[in-house]
PDB file of N, CA and C in Angstrom:
ATOM      1  N   UNK A   1     115.764 -79.756  32.477  1.00  0.00           N
ATOM      2  CA  UNK A   1     116.750 -80.468  33.260  1.00  0.00           C
ATOM      3  C   UNK A   1     117.685 -79.457  33.910  1.00  0.00           C
ATOM      4  N   UNK A   2     117.969 -79.673  35.173  1.00  0.00           N
ATOM      5  CA  UNK A   2     118.817 -78.763  35.930  1.00  0.00           C
ATOM      6  C   UNK A   2     120.287 -79.062  35.664  1.00  0.00           C
ATOM      7  N   UNK A   3     121.099 -78.022  35.699  1.00  0.00           N
ATOM      8  CA  UNK A   3     122.526 -78.143  35.465  1.00  0.00           C
ATOM      9  C   UNK A   3     123.219 -78.562  36.765  1.00  0.00           C
ATOM     10  N   UNK A   4     123.946 -79.677  36.734  1.00  0.00           N
ATOM     11  CA  UNK A   4     124.608 -80.192  37.933  1.00  0.00           C
ATOM     12  C   UNK A   4     125.733 -79.280  38.397  1.00  0.00           C
ATOM     13  N   UNK A   5     126.390 -78.622  37.468  1.00  0.00           N
ATOM     14  CA  UNK A   5     127.478 -77.718  37.837  1.00  0.00           C
ATOM     15  C   UNK A   5     126.943 -76.516  38.602  1.00  0.00           C
ATOM     16  N   UNK A   6     125.840 -75.965  38.147  1.00  0.00           N
ATOM     17  CA  UNK A   6     125.220 -74.837  38.848  1.00  0.00           C
ATOM     18  C   UNK A   6     124.764 -75.275  40.233  1.00  0.00           C
ATOM     19  N   UNK A   7     124.167 -76.445  40.330  1.00  0.00           N
ATOM     20  CA  UNK A   7     123.719 -76.951  41.626  1.00  0.00           C
ATOM     21  C   UNK A   7     124.898 -77.156  42.568  1.00  0.00           C
ATOM     22  N   UNK A   8     126.017 -77.657  42.049  1.00  0.00           N
ATOM     23  CA  UNK A   8     127.196 -77.864  42.892  1.00  0.00           C
ATOM     24  C   UNK A   8     127.755 -76.537  43.386  1.00  0.00           C
ATOM     25  N   UNK A   9     127.816 -75.536  42.524  1.00  0.00           N
ATOM     26  CA  UNK A   9     128.318 -74.231  42.951  1.00  0.00           C
ATOM     27  C   UNK A   9     127.379 -73.568  43.955  1.00  0.00           C
ATOM     28  N   UNK A  10     126.083 -73.715  43.755  1.00  0.00           N
ATOM     29  CA  UNK A  10     125.136 -73.170  44.728  1.00  0.00           C
ATOM     30  C   UNK A  10     125.262 -73.870  46.075  1.00  0.00           C
ATOM     31  N   UNK A  11     125.512 -75.178  46.058  1.00  0.00           N
ATOM     32  CA  UNK A  11     125.708 -75.914  47.308  1.00  0.00           C
ATOM     33  C   UNK A  11     126.992 -75.477  47.990  1.00  0.00           C
ATOM     34  N   UNK A  12     128.024 -75.205  47.211  1.00  0.00           N
ATOM     35  CA  UNK A  12     129.305 -74.788  47.780  1.00  0.00           C
ATOM     36  C   UNK A  12     129.221 -73.385  48.366  1.00  0.00           C
ATOM     37  N   UNK A  13     128.593 -72.464  47.645  1.00  0.00           N
ATOM     38  CA  UNK A  13     128.553 -71.066  48.074  1.00  0.00           C
ATOM     39  C   UNK A  13     127.382 -70.746  49.000  1.00  0.00           C
ATOM     40  N   UNK A  14     126.241 -71.371  48.783  1.00  0.00           N
ATOM     41  CA  UNK A  14     125.063 -71.041  49.577  1.00  0.00           C
ATOM     42  C   UNK A  14     124.422 -72.250  50.211  1.00  0.00           C
ATOM     43  N   UNK A  15     125.221 -73.281  50.469  1.00  0.00           N
ATOM     44  CA  UNK A  15     124.691 -74.523  51.027  1.00  0.00           C
ATOM     45  C   UNK A  15     123.971 -74.372  52.353  1.00  0.00           C
ATOM     46  N   UNK A  16     124.555 -73.631  53.315  1.00  0.00           N
ATOM     47  CA  UNK A  16     123.861 -73.485  54.597  1.00  0.00           C
ATOM     48  C   UNK A  16     122.515 -72.777  54.488  1.00  0.00           C
ATOM     49  N   UNK A  17     122.326 -72.014  53.441  1.00  0.00           N
ATOM     50  CA  UNK A  17     121.051 -71.325  53.241  1.00  0.00           C
ATOM     51  C   UNK A  17     120.084 -72.116  52.372  1.00  0.00           C
ATOM     52  N   UNK A  18     120.524 -73.234  51.829  1.00  0.00           N
ATOM     53  CA  UNK A  18     119.655 -74.082  51.026  1.00  0.00           C
ATOM     54  C   UNK A  18     119.432 -73.604  49.607  1.00  0.00           C
ATOM     55  N   UNK A  19     120.322 -72.780  49.084  1.00  0.00           N
ATOM     56  CA  UNK A  19     120.132 -72.250  47.730  1.00  0.00           C
ATOM     57  C   UNK A  19     120.103 -73.348  46.682  1.00  0.00           C
ATOM     58  N   UNK A  20     120.900 -74.381  46.868  1.00  0.00           N
ATOM     59  CA  UNK A  20     120.931 -75.484  45.912  1.00  0.00           C
ATOM     60  C   UNK A  20     119.616 -76.253  45.910  1.00  0.00           C
ATOM     61  N   UNK A  21     118.977 -76.362  47.061  1.00  0.00           N
ATOM     62  CA  UNK A  21     117.696 -77.072  47.124  1.00  0.00           C
ATOM     63  C   UNK A  21     116.611 -76.278  46.404  1.00  0.00           C
ATOM     64  N   UNK A  22     116.634 -74.954  46.536  1.00  0.00           N
ATOM     65  CA  UNK A  22     115.664 -74.139  45.812  1.00  0.00           C
ATOM     66  C   UNK A  22     115.897 -74.233  44.312  1.00  0.00           C
ATOM     67  N   UNK A  23     117.145 -74.319  43.888  1.00  0.00           N
ATOM     68  CA  UNK A  23     117.439 -74.462  42.460  1.00  0.00           C
ATOM     69  C   UNK A  23     116.943 -75.808  41.943  1.00  0.00           C
ATOM     70  N   UNK A  24     117.176 -76.868  42.709  1.00  0.00           N
ATOM     71  CA  UNK A  24     116.826 -78.207  42.236  1.00  0.00           C
ATOM     72  C   UNK A  24     115.348 -78.540  42.404  1.00  0.00           C
ATOM     73  N   UNK A  25     114.727 -78.104  43.502  1.00  0.00           N
ATOM     74  CA  UNK A  25     113.362 -78.542  43.815  1.00  0.00           C
ATOM     75  C   UNK A  25     112.325 -77.423  43.772  1.00  0.00           C
ATOM     76  N   UNK A  26     112.741 -76.183  43.663  1.00  0.00           N
ATOM     77  CA  UNK A  26     111.800 -75.078  43.603  1.00  0.00           C
ATOM     78  C   UNK A  26     111.484 -74.516  44.978  1.00  0.00           C
ATOM     79  N   UNK A  27     110.646 -73.503  44.989  1.00  0.00           N
ATOM     80  CA  UNK A  27     110.335 -72.779  46.218  1.00  0.00           C
ATOM     81  C   UNK A  27     109.427 -73.564  47.163  1.00  0.00           C
ATOM     82  N   UNK A  28     108.859 -74.674  46.727  1.00  0.00           N
ATOM     83  CA  UNK A  28     107.957 -75.446  47.583  1.00  0.00           C
ATOM     84  C   UNK A  28     108.681 -76.506  48.402  1.00  0.00           C
ATOM     85  N   UNK A  29     110.015 -76.519  48.368  1.00  0.00           N
ATOM     86  CA  UNK A  29     110.806 -77.510  49.086  1.00  0.00           C
ATOM     87  C   UNK A  29     110.853 -77.149  50.571  1.00  0.00           C
ATOM     88  N   UNK A  30     110.279 -77.998  51.415  1.00  0.00           N
ATOM     89  CA  UNK A  30     110.203 -77.720  52.847  1.00  0.00           C
ATOM     90  C   UNK A  30     111.579 -77.712  53.493  1.00  0.00           C
ATOM     91  N   UNK A  31     112.424 -78.660  53.153  1.00  0.00           N
ATOM     92  CA  UNK A  31     113.761 -78.700  53.746  1.00  0.00           C
ATOM     93  C   UNK A  31     114.570 -77.471  53.352  1.00  0.00           C
ATOM     94  N   UNK A  32     114.355 -76.973  52.159  1.00  0.00           N
ATOM     95  CA  UNK A  32     115.031 -75.747  51.743  1.00  0.00           C
ATOM     96  C   UNK A  32     114.663 -74.565  52.617  1.00  0.00           C
ATOM     97  N   UNK A  33     113.424 -74.520  53.074  1.00  0.00           N
ATOM     98  CA  UNK A  33     113.000 -73.432  53.960  1.00  0.00           C
ATOM     99  C   UNK A  33     113.468 -73.648  55.393  1.00  0.00           C
ATOM    100  N   UNK A  34     113.730 -74.899  55.785  1.00  0.00           N
ATOM    101  CA  UNK A  34     114.192 -75.168  57.148  1.00  0.00           C
ATOM    102  C   UNK A  34     115.696 -74.968  57.315  1.00  0.00           C
ATOM    103  N   UNK A  35     116.469 -75.056  56.253  1.00  0.00           N
ATOM    104  CA  UNK A  35     117.921 -74.930  56.355  1.00  0.00           C
ATOM    105  C   UNK A  35     118.398 -73.566  56.856  1.00  0.00           C
ATOM    106  N   UNK A  36     117.795 -72.442  56.470  1.00  0.00           N
ATOM    107  CA  UNK A  36     118.320 -71.161  56.953  1.00  0.00           C
ATOM    108  C   UNK A  36     118.140 -70.935  58.453  1.00  0.00           C
ATOM    109  N   UNK A  37     117.198 -71.619  59.086  1.00  0.00           N
ATOM    110  CA  UNK A  37     116.927 -71.373  60.503  1.00  0.00           C
ATOM    111  C   UNK A  37     118.132 -71.704  61.374  1.00  0.00           C
ATOM    112  N   UNK A  38     118.700 -72.926  61.329  1.00  0.00           N
ATOM    113  CA  UNK A  38     119.877 -73.181  62.159  1.00  0.00           C
ATOM    114  C   UNK A  38     121.090 -72.359  61.732  1.00  0.00           C
ATOM    115  N   UNK A  39     121.163 -72.008  60.459  1.00  0.00           N
ATOM    116  CA  UNK A  39     122.269 -71.167  59.997  1.00  0.00           C
ATOM    117  C   UNK A  39     122.195 -69.790  60.642  1.00  0.00           C
ATOM    118  N   UNK A  40     121.016 -69.208  60.662  1.00  0.00           N
ATOM    119  CA  UNK A  40     120.861 -67.887  61.265  1.00  0.00           C
ATOM    120  C   UNK A  40     121.054 -67.928  62.773  1.00  0.00           C
ATOM    121  N   UNK A  41     120.614 -69.001  63.427  1.00  0.00           N
ATOM    122  CA  UNK A  41     120.847 -69.143  64.865  1.00  0.00           C
ATOM    123  C   UNK A  41     122.343 -69.246  65.150  1.00  0.00           C
ATOM    124  N   UNK A  42     123.060 -69.990  64.329  1.00  0.00           N
ATOM    125  CA  UNK A  42     124.505 -70.100  64.494  1.00  0.00           C
ATOM    126  C   UNK A  42     125.221 -68.775  64.271  1.00  0.00           C
ATOM    127  N   UNK A  43     124.794 -68.019  63.265  1.00  0.00           N
ATOM    128  CA  UNK A  43     125.390 -66.705  63.029  1.00  0.00           C
ATOM    129  C   UNK A  43     125.112 -65.758  64.187  1.00  0.00           C
ATOM    130  N   UNK A  44     123.924 -65.848  64.771  1.00  0.00           N
ATOM    131  CA  UNK A  44     123.600 -65.042  65.948  1.00  0.00           C
ATOM    132  C   UNK A  44     124.499 -65.429  67.121  1.00  0.00           C
ATOM    133  N   UNK A  45     124.744 -66.723  67.295  1.00  0.00           N
ATOM    134  CA  UNK A  45     125.637 -67.179  68.356  1.00  0.00           C
ATOM    135  C   UNK A  45     127.060 -66.688  68.156  1.00  0.00           C
ATOM    136  N   UNK A  46     127.535 -66.708  66.915  1.00  0.00           N
ATOM    137  CA  UNK A  46     128.870 -66.170  66.636  1.00  0.00           C
ATOM    138  C   UNK A  46     128.942 -64.678  66.930  1.00  0.00           C
ATOM    139  N   UNK A  47     127.894 -63.956  66.576  1.00  0.00           N
ATOM    140  CA  UNK A  47     127.866 -62.525  66.853  1.00  0.00           C
ATOM    141  C   UNK A  47     127.912 -62.263  68.354  1.00  0.00           C
ATOM    142  N   UNK A  48     127.122 -63.033  69.128  1.00  0.00           N
ATOM    143  CA  UNK A  48     127.124 -62.847  70.584  1.00  0.00           C
ATOM    144  C   UNK A  48     128.477 -63.189  71.184  1.00  0.00           C
ATOM    145  N   UNK A  49     129.120 -64.231  70.691  1.00  0.00           N
ATOM    146  CA  UNK A  49     130.429 -64.613  71.212  1.00  0.00           C
ATOM    147  C   UNK A  49     131.464 -63.527  70.931  1.00  0.00           C
ATOM    148  N   UNK A  50     131.389 -62.927  69.762  1.00  0.00           N
ATOM    149  CA  UNK A  50     132.339 -61.850  69.444  1.00  0.00           C
ATOM    150  C   UNK A  50     132.017 -60.583  70.212  1.00  0.00           C
ATOM    151  N   UNK A  51     130.745 -60.313  70.418  1.00  0.00           N
ATOM    152  CA  UNK A  51     130.328 -59.077  71.076  1.00  0.00           C
ATOM    153  C   UNK A  51     130.569 -59.116  72.585  1.00  0.00           C
ATOM    154  N   UNK A  52     130.202 -60.228  73.226  1.00  0.00           N
ATOM    155  CA  UNK A  52     130.239 -60.288  74.681  1.00  0.00           C
ATOM    156  C   UNK A  52     131.372 -61.141  75.231  1.00  0.00           C
ATOM    157  N   UNK A  53     131.881 -62.071  74.446  1.00  0.00           N
ATOM    158  CA  UNK A  53     132.981 -62.919  74.906  1.00  0.00           C
ATOM    159  C   UNK A  53     132.579 -63.771  76.098  1.00  0.00           C
ATOM    160  N   UNK A  54     133.440 -63.838  77.100  1.00  0.00           N
ATOM    161  CA  UNK A  54     133.172 -64.654  78.284  1.00  0.00           C
ATOM    162  C   UNK A  54     132.208 -63.986  79.254  1.00  0.00           C
ATOM    163  N   UNK A  55     131.880 -62.722  79.045  1.00  0.00           N
ATOM    164  CA  UNK A  55     130.994 -61.987  79.946  1.00  0.00           C
ATOM    165  C   UNK A  55     129.528 -62.080  79.550  1.00  0.00           C
ATOM    166  N   UNK A  56     129.173 -62.988  78.683  1.00  0.00           N
ATOM    167  CA  UNK A  56     127.792 -63.139  78.225  1.00  0.00           C
ATOM    168  C   UNK A  56     126.938 -63.707  79.350  1.00  0.00           C
ATOM    169  N   UNK A  57     125.910 -62.993  79.741  1.00  0.00           N
ATOM    170  CA  UNK A  57     125.043 -63.413  80.838  1.00  0.00           C
ATOM    171  C   UNK A  57     124.109 -64.553  80.451  1.00  0.00           C
ATOM    172  N   UNK A  58     123.856 -64.747  79.167  1.00  0.00           N
ATOM    173  CA  UNK A  58     122.951 -65.808  78.732  1.00  0.00           C
ATOM    174  C   UNK A  58     123.639 -67.149  78.564  1.00  0.00           C
ATOM    175  N   UNK A  59     124.970 -67.163  78.598  1.00  0.00           N
ATOM    176  CA  UNK A  59     125.664 -68.440  78.384  1.00  0.00           C
ATOM    177  C   UNK A  59     126.022 -69.111  79.689  1.00  0.00           C
TER     178      UNK A  59
END
């Protein structure tokens, strides 16, 4: 049986990466593998916004 407190802390600290889903459902959880994709795209967007600001040619 999985510990609910551990799952809650994993969701709080690593929720966008799906760490709580891997803890609860294991490595075969498809949604757990899909969660990091939009997170990484968002982090890339934040990096571009900080790096290029309003002068970004792709925006």
